[in-house]
Each structure stands twice: as structure tokens, then as C-alpha cells.
Amino acid sequence: MLDRLWEVAARKGAERVLMAVSFTEAIFFPVPPDLLLLPMGLAARDKVFRLAWICLLFSLAGGVIGYGIGYYFMEAVGNPIIRFYGLEEQYTRIQVWYDTYSAWAVSIAGLTPIPYKLCTLTAGAFHINWPVFILASAISRGIRFFVIAVLIRSFGEAARTFLEKRFNLVVTVTLILVILGFVVLKYV
């Protein structure tokens, strides 16, 4: 399976998939772009910073759309997305976070397994200052994607070897972190 992942990650069309995932994850898609950035970067270490830029720019573009949906169409579009993922309680909690922390709430969501789509939709719904939202998103998402890129560039072969030997463990830990992000939102 891992050999197939390397092959797919190295294909020319993989960048378009990364663009689509980065864009849609900020609105409704459940898979974070990091899960594609990692194998794609390991398959083509010389392009890893380009891939990080793709993640950042398309995530921000999706964030703008998510913000717009929250701002203008929260009842018709945003709320059904939040209900689909079972994030109604978190939606209310994030409103308190925005009232208290403003841009920091955006930064926290941009750096953690908390679904970024929840951040973008709620930022629009609660009319968070748009330039502050974009700046906080750019900084936090940029840190997230470029830290991965630096690690891949610095430890690429060792990381690839580790991943090849412990692929199931890495997938399991990643899934646990994503689930923990949802749990933190539900109970914290």
C-alpha cells in the first residue's frame, strides 16, 4: 500500500489533488491537507516548499469562501455543514472563544487538529474582522505547513524510512489526533 502511496504522491496530477483538498478542507472536506503534504513531500523533497505554498494559498482561498459562507449563508449552508460533523456545541463554544480571544481563536484552529472549516464558518458567522482573520489564518496555517516542509527537507530520508517501517502506526496516530481534535471541541 505504501509503495502505491509514493507512486500516487509523485504523479503530476497529485498537485491538483493537493490544491483541491487544501481548498475544500477549509469549507467542508474532512481530510486535512497535511495528510497529502507528507507523502508528496517525501516523494519529491525538492518540491516540498512549493507543496507547502500550495497548501497555504489554497487553504486561505478556501478559508475566504468558508468565511463568506459563514458571513452570508450561515443558516442555509454553514449550519448544515456543522450539523453534518456534529459540531453544534463547539460552534457555540467557539463564539465565546472569538469574543474572548479574537484572532487567537483563529490561530489555535489553524495550528491544531481542530477542524479549520469550523474556524472559517464561525469567523464569518460571528463577523470577525476580515483582515485579522486572513492574517491569523495565514500565519497559523503557514507555520503548520512550512514546519512540515522543513522537517521533510531536513529529515526526509529518515522520515521516509520510518514511515515505511511504521506506516500503520503513523496512520493510527494521525487518526487518533484528528479524533482528539473533535473530542477537544466537544468536551473542552
N, C-alpha and C. Protein backbone atom coordinates (compact mmCIF):
# COMPACT_ATOMS: atom_id res chain seq x y z
N MET A 1 0.82 -1.20 0.00
CA MET A 1 0.00 0.00 0.00
C MET A 1 0.87 1.26 0.00
N LEU A 2 1.93 1.25 0.80
CA LEU A 2 2.79 2.43 0.88
C LEU A 2 3.50 2.70 -0.44
N ASP A 3 3.92 1.65 -1.14
CA ASP A 3 4.54 1.85 -2.45
C ASP A 3 3.58 2.56 -3.39
N ARG A 4 2.33 2.19 -3.32
CA ARG A 4 1.31 2.83 -4.16
C ARG A 4 1.14 4.31 -3.76
N LEU A 5 1.21 4.59 -2.47
CA LEU A 5 1.11 5.96 -1.98
C LEU A 5 2.24 6.81 -2.53
N TRP A 6 3.47 6.29 -2.52
CA TRP A 6 4.61 7.04 -3.07
C TRP A 6 4.40 7.30 -4.56
N GLU A 7 3.90 6.29 -5.25
CA GLU A 7 3.68 6.42 -6.69
C GLU A 7 2.64 7.49 -6.98
N VAL A 8 1.54 7.44 -6.28
CA VAL A 8 0.46 8.43 -6.47
C VAL A 8 0.94 9.82 -6.07
N ALA A 9 1.68 9.92 -4.98
CA ALA A 9 2.16 11.21 -4.49
C ALA A 9 3.12 11.87 -5.48
N ALA A 10 3.82 11.07 -6.27
CA ALA A 10 4.80 11.62 -7.21
C ALA A 10 4.18 11.96 -8.57
N ARG A 11 2.95 11.59 -8.80
CA ARG A 11 2.30 11.87 -10.09
C ARG A 11 2.08 13.35 -10.29
N LYS A 12 2.05 13.73 -11.56
CA LYS A 12 1.85 15.13 -11.91
C LYS A 12 0.50 15.66 -11.40
N GLY A 13 -0.55 14.90 -11.51
CA GLY A 13 -1.87 15.33 -11.07
C GLY A 13 -2.02 15.43 -9.57
N ALA A 14 -1.04 14.95 -8.82
CA ALA A 14 -1.14 14.97 -7.35
C ALA A 14 -1.22 16.40 -6.83
N GLU A 15 -0.55 17.33 -7.47
CA GLU A 15 -0.61 18.73 -7.02
C GLU A 15 -2.02 19.28 -7.12
N ARG A 16 -2.74 18.90 -8.17
CA ARG A 16 -4.13 19.37 -8.32
C ARG A 16 -5.01 18.79 -7.20
N VAL A 17 -4.73 17.55 -6.85
CA VAL A 17 -5.47 16.94 -5.74
C VAL A 17 -5.16 17.68 -4.44
N LEU A 18 -3.88 18.02 -4.23
CA LEU A 18 -3.48 18.77 -3.04
C LEU A 18 -4.18 20.13 -3.00
N MET A 19 -4.25 20.79 -4.15
CA MET A 19 -4.96 22.07 -4.23
C MET A 19 -6.42 21.91 -3.83
N ALA A 20 -7.07 20.89 -4.39
CA ALA A 20 -8.49 20.67 -4.11
C ALA A 20 -8.73 20.34 -2.64
N VAL A 21 -7.89 19.48 -2.08
CA VAL A 21 -8.05 19.10 -0.67
C VAL A 21 -7.79 20.31 0.23
N SER A 22 -6.75 21.08 -0.06
CA SER A 22 -6.43 22.26 0.75
C SER A 22 -7.58 23.27 0.72
N PHE A 23 -8.16 23.46 -0.44
CA PHE A 23 -9.25 24.40 -0.61
C PHE A 23 -10.52 23.92 0.09
N THR A 24 -10.92 22.68 -0.18
CA THR A 24 -12.20 22.19 0.34
C THR A 24 -12.16 21.88 1.83
N GLU A 25 -10.99 21.54 2.37
CA GLU A 25 -10.88 21.25 3.81
C GLU A 25 -11.23 22.48 4.63
N ALA A 26 -11.00 23.66 4.08
CA ALA A 26 -11.30 24.90 4.79
C ALA A 26 -12.80 25.21 4.79
N ILE A 27 -13.58 24.43 4.02
CA ILE A 27 -15.01 24.69 3.91
C ILE A 27 -15.84 23.50 4.43
N PHE A 28 -15.55 22.30 3.91
CA PHE A 28 -16.40 21.16 4.28
C PHE A 28 -15.69 19.81 4.29
N PHE A 29 -14.57 19.66 3.61
CA PHE A 29 -13.95 18.34 3.44
C PHE A 29 -13.25 17.91 4.73
N PRO A 30 -13.38 16.64 5.13
CA PRO A 30 -12.85 16.21 6.43
C PRO A 30 -11.35 15.93 6.48
N VAL A 31 -10.69 15.75 5.33
CA VAL A 31 -9.28 15.35 5.32
C VAL A 31 -8.38 16.58 5.29
N PRO A 32 -7.50 16.74 6.29
CA PRO A 32 -6.58 17.89 6.28
C PRO A 32 -5.49 17.69 5.22
N PRO A 33 -5.03 18.78 4.60
CA PRO A 33 -4.03 18.67 3.54
C PRO A 33 -2.69 18.11 4.01
N ASP A 34 -2.43 18.19 5.30
CA ASP A 34 -1.18 17.64 5.85
C ASP A 34 -1.02 16.17 5.48
N LEU A 35 -2.14 15.45 5.42
CA LEU A 35 -2.09 14.02 5.12
C LEU A 35 -1.63 13.75 3.69
N LEU A 36 -1.76 14.73 2.81
CA LEU A 36 -1.22 14.62 1.46
C LEU A 36 0.16 15.26 1.35
N LEU A 37 0.35 16.36 2.07
CA LEU A 37 1.63 17.06 2.03
C LEU A 37 2.78 16.15 2.45
N LEU A 38 2.56 15.36 3.47
CA LEU A 38 3.62 14.49 3.98
C LEU A 38 4.11 13.50 2.93
N PRO A 39 3.26 12.64 2.37
CA PRO A 39 3.79 11.69 1.38
C PRO A 39 4.26 12.37 0.09
N MET A 40 3.57 13.44 -0.32
CA MET A 40 4.00 14.14 -1.53
C MET A 40 5.37 14.78 -1.33
N GLY A 41 5.58 15.38 -0.17
CA GLY A 41 6.87 15.99 0.13
C GLY A 41 7.98 14.96 0.23
N LEU A 42 7.67 13.82 0.83
CA LEU A 42 8.67 12.76 0.94
C LEU A 42 8.98 12.14 -0.42
N ALA A 43 7.99 12.12 -1.31
CA ALA A 43 8.21 11.56 -2.65
C ALA A 43 8.99 12.53 -3.54
N ALA A 44 8.89 13.82 -3.26
CA ALA A 44 9.57 14.84 -4.08
C ALA A 44 10.09 15.94 -3.15
N ARG A 45 11.16 15.63 -2.42
CA ARG A 45 11.66 16.57 -1.42
C ARG A 45 12.09 17.90 -2.01
N ASP A 46 12.53 17.91 -3.26
CA ASP A 46 12.96 19.15 -3.89
C ASP A 46 11.78 20.10 -4.14
N LYS A 47 10.55 19.59 -4.09
CA LYS A 47 9.36 20.42 -4.32
C LYS A 47 8.55 20.66 -3.05
N VAL A 48 9.09 20.29 -1.90
CA VAL A 48 8.28 20.32 -0.67
C VAL A 48 7.85 21.75 -0.29
N PHE A 49 8.68 22.76 -0.55
CA PHE A 49 8.28 24.12 -0.20
C PHE A 49 7.21 24.63 -1.17
N ARG A 50 7.30 24.24 -2.42
CA ARG A 50 6.23 24.55 -3.38
C ARG A 50 4.92 23.93 -2.91
N LEU A 51 4.98 22.69 -2.45
CA LEU A 51 3.79 21.99 -1.96
C LEU A 51 3.22 22.68 -0.72
N ALA A 52 4.09 23.16 0.16
CA ALA A 52 3.62 23.89 1.35
C ALA A 52 2.92 25.18 0.93
N TRP A 53 3.48 25.87 -0.08
CA TRP A 53 2.83 27.08 -0.58
C TRP A 53 1.46 26.76 -1.16
N ILE A 54 1.36 25.65 -1.89
CA ILE A 54 0.07 25.24 -2.44
C ILE A 54 -0.93 25.03 -1.31
N CYS A 55 -0.50 24.30 -0.28
CA CYS A 55 -1.39 24.07 0.88
C CYS A 55 -1.84 25.40 1.48
N LEU A 56 -0.90 26.29 1.70
CA LEU A 56 -1.22 27.57 2.35
C LEU A 56 -2.17 28.40 1.49
N LEU A 57 -1.81 28.61 0.23
CA LEU A 57 -2.61 29.51 -0.62
C LEU A 57 -4.01 28.97 -0.87
N PHE A 58 -4.11 27.66 -1.13
CA PHE A 58 -5.43 27.10 -1.39
C PHE A 58 -6.25 26.96 -0.10
N SER A 59 -5.59 26.76 1.02
CA SER A 59 -6.28 26.74 2.30
C SER A 59 -6.83 28.13 2.61
N LEU A 60 -6.04 29.16 2.35
CA LEU A 60 -6.51 30.54 2.56
C LEU A 60 -7.67 30.87 1.62
N ALA A 61 -7.57 30.44 0.36
CA ALA A 61 -8.66 30.69 -0.59
C ALA A 61 -9.94 29.99 -0.12
N GLY A 62 -9.80 28.76 0.33
CA GLY A 62 -10.96 28.05 0.88
C GLY A 62 -11.46 28.73 2.14
N GLY A 63 -10.54 29.25 2.94
CA GLY A 63 -10.91 29.97 4.15
C GLY A 63 -11.74 31.21 3.84
N VAL A 64 -11.39 31.91 2.76
CA VAL A 64 -12.16 33.08 2.34
C VAL A 64 -13.58 32.66 1.97
N ILE A 65 -13.71 31.56 1.24
CA ILE A 65 -15.04 31.06 0.87
C ILE A 65 -15.81 30.63 2.12
N GLY A 66 -15.12 29.89 3.01
CA GLY A 66 -15.76 29.46 4.26
C GLY A 66 -16.24 30.65 5.08
N TYR A 67 -15.39 31.68 5.16
CA TYR A 67 -15.76 32.91 5.87
C TYR A 67 -17.00 33.53 5.22
N GLY A 68 -16.98 33.61 3.89
CA GLY A 68 -18.12 34.18 3.16
C GLY A 68 -19.40 33.39 3.38
N ILE A 69 -19.30 32.07 3.40
CA ILE A 69 -20.47 31.24 3.67
C ILE A 69 -20.99 31.53 5.07
N GLY A 70 -20.08 31.60 6.03
CA GLY A 70 -20.49 31.90 7.40
C GLY A 70 -21.11 33.29 7.52
N TYR A 71 -20.54 34.25 6.82
CA TYR A 71 -21.00 35.63 6.90
C TYR A 71 -22.37 35.82 6.25
N TYR A 72 -22.54 35.24 5.05
CA TYR A 72 -23.75 35.50 4.27
C TYR A 72 -24.77 34.35 4.27
N PHE A 73 -24.30 33.12 4.45
CA PHE A 73 -25.18 31.97 4.27
C PHE A 73 -25.09 30.96 5.41
N MET A 74 -24.89 31.44 6.62
CA MET A 74 -24.69 30.51 7.74
C MET A 74 -25.90 29.61 7.94
N GLU A 75 -27.09 30.17 7.92
CA GLU A 75 -28.30 29.37 8.15
C GLU A 75 -28.49 28.33 7.04
N ALA A 76 -28.34 28.74 5.80
CA ALA A 76 -28.64 27.85 4.68
C ALA A 76 -27.53 26.84 4.39
N VAL A 77 -26.27 27.23 4.56
CA VAL A 77 -25.15 26.36 4.16
C VAL A 77 -24.25 25.99 5.33
N GLY A 78 -23.84 26.97 6.12
CA GLY A 78 -22.88 26.73 7.20
C GLY A 78 -23.40 25.81 8.28
N ASN A 79 -24.62 26.07 8.75
CA ASN A 79 -25.18 25.22 9.81
C ASN A 79 -25.33 23.76 9.39
N PRO A 80 -25.79 23.47 8.16
CA PRO A 80 -25.83 22.06 7.76
C PRO A 80 -24.46 21.38 7.76
N ILE A 81 -23.42 22.11 7.41
CA ILE A 81 -22.06 21.54 7.46
C ILE A 81 -21.69 21.24 8.91
N ILE A 82 -21.96 22.17 9.80
CA ILE A 82 -21.64 21.98 11.22
C ILE A 82 -22.45 20.82 11.80
N ARG A 83 -23.72 20.73 11.44
CA ARG A 83 -24.55 19.60 11.92
C ARG A 83 -24.04 18.28 11.36
N PHE A 84 -23.62 18.26 10.12
CA PHE A 84 -23.12 17.04 9.49
C PHE A 84 -21.95 16.46 10.29
N TYR A 85 -21.07 17.32 10.78
CA TYR A 85 -19.91 16.87 11.56
C TYR A 85 -20.20 16.80 13.06
N GLY A 86 -21.42 17.11 13.48
CA GLY A 86 -21.78 17.04 14.89
C GLY A 86 -21.06 18.07 15.75
N LEU A 87 -20.87 19.26 15.21
CA LEU A 87 -20.08 20.29 15.90
C LEU A 87 -20.93 21.44 16.44
N GLU A 88 -22.21 21.18 16.71
CA GLU A 88 -23.10 22.25 17.17
C GLU A 88 -22.63 22.87 18.49
N GLU A 89 -22.27 22.04 19.45
CA GLU A 89 -21.81 22.57 20.74
C GLU A 89 -20.52 23.37 20.57
N GLN A 90 -19.64 22.88 19.73
CA GLN A 90 -18.36 23.55 19.50
C GLN A 90 -18.58 24.91 18.83
N TYR A 91 -19.58 24.97 17.98
CA TYR A 91 -19.93 26.23 17.32
C TYR A 91 -20.21 27.31 18.37
N THR A 92 -21.02 26.96 19.35
CA THR A 92 -21.34 27.89 20.43
C THR A 92 -20.10 28.23 21.25
N ARG A 93 -19.30 27.22 21.55
CA ARG A 93 -18.08 27.42 22.34
C ARG A 93 -17.10 28.33 21.59
N ILE A 94 -16.99 28.13 20.30
CA ILE A 94 -16.06 28.96 19.52
C ILE A 94 -16.51 30.41 19.50
N GLN A 95 -17.81 30.65 19.56
CA GLN A 95 -18.28 32.03 19.64
C GLN A 95 -17.70 32.71 20.88
N VAL A 96 -17.69 31.99 22.00
CA VAL A 96 -17.10 32.53 23.23
C VAL A 96 -15.61 32.76 23.02
N TRP A 97 -14.94 31.81 22.36
CA TRP A 97 -13.50 31.98 22.09
C TRP A 97 -13.26 33.24 21.25
N TYR A 98 -14.09 33.45 20.22
CA TYR A 98 -13.93 34.63 19.38
C TYR A 98 -14.18 35.91 20.18
N ASP A 99 -15.21 35.89 21.02
CA ASP A 99 -15.49 37.06 21.85
C ASP A 99 -14.34 37.36 22.79
N THR A 100 -13.68 36.31 23.28
CA THR A 100 -12.60 36.47 24.25
C THR A 100 -11.24 36.67 23.60
N TYR A 101 -10.94 35.86 22.58
CA TYR A 101 -9.57 35.81 22.05
C TYR A 101 -9.42 36.32 20.62
N SER A 102 -10.49 36.55 19.91
CA SER A 102 -10.50 37.04 18.53
C SER A 102 -9.52 36.27 17.64
N ALA A 103 -8.46 36.93 17.20
CA ALA A 103 -7.52 36.31 16.26
C ALA A 103 -6.83 35.08 16.84
N TRP A 104 -6.66 35.05 18.15
CA TRP A 104 -6.01 33.89 18.75
C TRP A 104 -6.83 32.63 18.52
N ALA A 105 -8.15 32.75 18.52
CA ALA A 105 -9.01 31.59 18.26
C ALA A 105 -8.77 31.07 16.85
N VAL A 106 -8.60 31.97 15.89
CA VAL A 106 -8.29 31.57 14.52
C VAL A 106 -6.93 30.88 14.49
N SER A 107 -5.96 31.45 15.17
CA SER A 107 -4.62 30.87 15.20
C SER A 107 -4.61 29.48 15.82
N ILE A 108 -5.36 29.30 16.89
CA ILE A 108 -5.41 27.99 17.54
C ILE A 108 -5.97 26.96 16.56
N ALA A 109 -7.06 27.29 15.89
CA ALA A 109 -7.65 26.35 14.94
C ALA A 109 -6.72 26.09 13.76
N GLY A 110 -5.97 27.09 13.36
CA GLY A 110 -5.05 26.92 12.24
C GLY A 110 -3.87 26.02 12.54
N LEU A 111 -3.52 25.90 13.81
CA LEU A 111 -2.34 25.11 14.20
C LEU A 111 -2.66 23.73 14.75
N THR A 112 -3.88 23.49 15.11
CA THR A 112 -4.23 22.26 15.82
C THR A 112 -5.11 21.35 14.97
N PRO A 113 -5.42 20.17 15.48
CA PRO A 113 -6.34 19.29 14.75
C PRO A 113 -7.80 19.76 14.77
N ILE A 114 -8.09 20.87 15.43
CA ILE A 114 -9.45 21.42 15.39
C ILE A 114 -9.78 21.68 13.92
N PRO A 115 -10.93 21.23 13.45
CA PRO A 115 -11.26 21.39 12.03
C PRO A 115 -11.25 22.87 11.61
N TYR A 116 -10.42 23.18 10.62
CA TYR A 116 -10.29 24.55 10.15
C TYR A 116 -11.60 25.06 9.57
N LYS A 117 -12.40 24.16 8.99
CA LYS A 117 -13.69 24.55 8.43
C LYS A 117 -14.59 25.18 9.51
N LEU A 118 -14.51 24.66 10.72
CA LEU A 118 -15.30 25.23 11.82
C LEU A 118 -14.84 26.66 12.11
N CYS A 119 -13.55 26.86 12.03
CA CYS A 119 -12.98 28.20 12.25
C CYS A 119 -13.45 29.17 11.17
N THR A 120 -13.39 28.76 9.91
CA THR A 120 -13.73 29.67 8.82
C THR A 120 -15.21 30.03 8.83
N LEU A 121 -16.05 29.02 9.01
CA LEU A 121 -17.50 29.26 9.02
C LEU A 121 -17.92 30.15 10.19
N THR A 122 -17.39 29.84 11.37
CA THR A 122 -17.77 30.62 12.55
C THR A 122 -17.19 32.03 12.51
N ALA A 123 -16.00 32.18 11.96
CA ALA A 123 -15.42 33.53 11.85
C ALA A 123 -16.32 34.42 11.01
N GLY A 124 -16.83 33.87 9.92
CA GLY A 124 -17.77 34.64 9.11
C GLY A 124 -19.09 34.88 9.82
N ALA A 125 -19.63 33.83 10.44
CA ALA A 125 -20.92 33.95 11.13
C ALA A 125 -20.88 34.98 12.25
N PHE A 126 -19.74 35.06 12.94
CA PHE A 126 -19.61 35.99 14.06
C PHE A 126 -18.98 37.32 13.64
N HIS A 127 -18.81 37.50 12.34
CA HIS A 127 -18.31 38.76 11.77
C HIS A 127 -16.97 39.18 12.36
N ILE A 128 -16.08 38.21 12.50
CA ILE A 128 -14.71 38.51 12.93
C ILE A 128 -14.09 39.45 11.90
N ASN A 129 -13.31 40.40 12.34
CA ASN A 129 -12.63 41.33 11.45
C ASN A 129 -11.92 40.54 10.34
N TRP A 130 -12.30 40.81 9.08
CA TRP A 130 -11.80 40.02 7.95
C TRP A 130 -10.28 40.07 7.80
N PRO A 131 -9.64 41.25 7.80
CA PRO A 131 -8.17 41.26 7.68
C PRO A 131 -7.48 40.52 8.82
N VAL A 132 -8.03 40.61 10.02
CA VAL A 132 -7.45 39.89 11.16
C VAL A 132 -7.59 38.39 10.94
N PHE A 133 -8.76 37.96 10.46
CA PHE A 133 -8.99 36.55 10.16
C PHE A 133 -7.97 36.04 9.13
N ILE A 134 -7.79 36.79 8.05
CA ILE A 134 -6.85 36.38 7.00
C ILE A 134 -5.43 36.33 7.53
N LEU A 135 -5.02 37.35 8.27
CA LEU A 135 -3.66 37.40 8.81
C LEU A 135 -3.42 36.24 9.78
N ALA A 136 -4.34 36.03 10.71
CA ALA A 136 -4.18 34.94 11.68
C ALA A 136 -4.18 33.59 10.98
N SER A 137 -5.03 33.43 9.97
CA SER A 137 -5.06 32.18 9.21
C SER A 137 -3.74 31.98 8.46
N ALA A 138 -3.26 33.03 7.81
CA ALA A 138 -2.02 32.92 7.03
C ALA A 138 -0.85 32.55 7.93
N ILE A 139 -0.77 33.18 9.09
CA ILE A 139 0.34 32.89 10.00
C ILE A 139 0.24 31.47 10.54
N SER A 140 -0.92 31.11 11.07
CA SER A 140 -1.04 29.79 11.70
C SER A 140 -0.97 28.66 10.69
N ARG A 141 -1.66 28.80 9.56
CA ARG A 141 -1.61 27.75 8.54
C ARG A 141 -0.21 27.70 7.92
N GLY A 142 0.40 28.86 7.73
CA GLY A 142 1.76 28.89 7.20
C GLY A 142 2.73 28.16 8.11
N ILE A 143 2.65 28.43 9.40
CA ILE A 143 3.51 27.73 10.36
C ILE A 143 3.28 26.23 10.25
N ARG A 144 2.03 25.84 10.24
CA ARG A 144 1.69 24.41 10.19
C ARG A 144 2.29 23.73 8.96
N PHE A 145 2.07 24.29 7.78
CA PHE A 145 2.53 23.64 6.55
C PHE A 145 4.04 23.75 6.36
N PHE A 146 4.62 24.89 6.72
CA PHE A 146 6.05 25.05 6.49
C PHE A 146 6.90 24.33 7.53
N VAL A 147 6.38 24.11 8.72
CA VAL A 147 7.10 23.25 9.68
C VAL A 147 7.20 21.84 9.11
N ILE A 148 6.11 21.36 8.55
CA ILE A 148 6.14 20.03 7.91
C ILE A 148 7.16 20.03 6.78
N ALA A 149 7.17 21.08 5.97
CA ALA A 149 8.11 21.15 4.84
C ALA A 149 9.56 21.17 5.32
N VAL A 150 9.85 21.94 6.35
CA VAL A 150 11.22 22.00 6.89
C VAL A 150 11.63 20.63 7.43
N LEU A 151 10.73 19.98 8.15
CA LEU A 151 11.04 18.65 8.68
C LEU A 151 11.29 17.64 7.56
N ILE A 152 10.47 17.70 6.53
CA ILE A 152 10.66 16.80 5.39
C ILE A 152 11.99 17.09 4.71
N ARG A 153 12.26 18.36 4.49
CA ARG A 153 13.51 18.74 3.81
C ARG A 153 14.73 18.34 4.65
N SER A 154 14.63 18.49 5.96
CA SER A 154 15.75 18.20 6.85
C SER A 154 15.93 16.72 7.13
N PHE A 155 14.83 16.01 7.30
CA PHE A 155 14.90 14.61 7.73
C PHE A 155 14.20 13.68 6.75
N GLY A 156 14.12 14.07 5.50
CA GLY A 156 13.33 13.34 4.51
C GLY A 156 13.58 11.86 4.42
N GLU A 157 14.82 11.46 4.20
CA GLU A 157 15.10 10.03 4.05
C GLU A 157 14.84 9.27 5.33
N ALA A 158 15.24 9.85 6.45
CA ALA A 158 14.98 9.19 7.74
C ALA A 158 13.47 9.10 7.99
N ALA A 159 12.75 10.16 7.65
CA ALA A 159 11.29 10.15 7.84
C ALA A 159 10.64 9.13 6.91
N ARG A 160 11.13 9.07 5.68
CA ARG A 160 10.56 8.10 4.73
C ARG A 160 10.82 6.67 5.20
N THR A 161 12.03 6.41 5.67
CA THR A 161 12.36 5.08 6.19
C THR A 161 11.48 4.75 7.39
N PHE A 162 11.33 5.70 8.30
CA PHE A 162 10.47 5.50 9.47
C PHE A 162 9.04 5.19 9.03
N LEU A 163 8.54 5.98 8.08
CA LEU A 163 7.17 5.79 7.60
C LEU A 163 7.01 4.43 6.93
N GLU A 164 8.01 4.03 6.17
CA GLU A 164 7.93 2.73 5.51
C GLU A 164 7.90 1.59 6.52
N LYS A 165 8.64 1.75 7.61
CA LYS A 165 8.69 0.69 8.63
C LYS A 165 7.47 0.72 9.55
N ARG A 166 6.91 1.90 9.77
CA ARG A 166 5.84 2.03 10.77
C ARG A 166 4.62 2.75 10.20
N PHE A 167 4.27 2.43 8.99
CA PHE A 167 3.16 3.10 8.31
C PHE A 167 1.85 2.96 9.09
N ASN A 168 1.53 1.77 9.52
CA ASN A 168 0.27 1.55 10.25
C ASN A 168 0.23 2.36 11.54
N LEU A 169 1.34 2.44 12.23
CA LEU A 169 1.41 3.23 13.46
C LEU A 169 1.17 4.71 13.16
N VAL A 170 1.81 5.21 12.11
CA VAL A 170 1.66 6.63 11.75
C VAL A 170 0.21 6.94 11.39
N VAL A 171 -0.41 6.07 10.61
CA VAL A 171 -1.81 6.28 10.23
C VAL A 171 -2.70 6.26 11.47
N THR A 172 -2.46 5.31 12.36
CA THR A 172 -3.25 5.20 13.59
C THR A 172 -3.10 6.44 14.46
N VAL A 173 -1.87 6.90 14.66
CA VAL A 173 -1.62 8.09 15.48
C VAL A 173 -2.28 9.32 14.84
N THR A 174 -2.17 9.44 13.52
CA THR A 174 -2.78 10.57 12.83
C THR A 174 -4.29 10.57 13.02
N LEU A 175 -4.91 9.42 12.85
CA LEU A 175 -6.36 9.33 13.05
C LEU A 175 -6.75 9.65 14.49
N ILE A 176 -5.96 9.19 15.43
CA ILE A 176 -6.23 9.49 16.84
C ILE A 176 -6.16 11.00 17.09
N LEU A 177 -5.16 11.67 16.49
CA LEU A 177 -5.04 13.12 16.66
C LEU A 177 -6.24 13.86 16.07
N VAL A 178 -6.70 13.41 14.92
CA VAL A 178 -7.88 14.04 14.31
C VAL A 178 -9.10 13.83 15.20
N ILE A 179 -9.27 12.62 15.69
CA ILE A 179 -10.40 12.33 16.59
C ILE A 179 -10.28 13.15 17.87
N LEU A 180 -9.07 13.28 18.41
CA LEU A 180 -8.87 14.09 19.61
C LEU A 180 -9.25 15.55 19.38
N GLY A 181 -8.96 16.04 18.16
CA GLY A 181 -9.38 17.40 17.82
C GLY A 181 -10.88 17.57 17.96
N PHE A 182 -11.63 16.58 17.46
CA PHE A 182 -13.09 16.63 17.59
C PHE A 182 -13.51 16.48 19.05
N VAL A 183 -12.85 15.62 19.80
CA VAL A 183 -13.17 15.40 21.22
C VAL A 183 -12.91 16.67 22.02
N VAL A 184 -11.77 17.31 21.76
CA VAL A 184 -11.44 18.56 22.46
C VAL A 184 -12.53 19.59 22.21
N LEU A 185 -12.97 19.68 20.97
CA LEU A 185 -14.03 20.63 20.66
C LEU A 185 -15.34 20.29 21.37
N LYS A 186 -15.60 19.02 21.51
CA LYS A 186 -16.86 18.60 22.12
C LYS A 186 -16.88 18.80 23.63
N TYR A 187 -15.75 18.53 24.31
CA TYR A 187 -15.76 18.50 25.77
C TYR A 187 -14.94 19.57 26.46
N VAL A 188 -14.23 20.39 25.72
CA VAL A 188 -13.40 21.41 26.37
C VAL A 188 -14.03 22.77 26.19
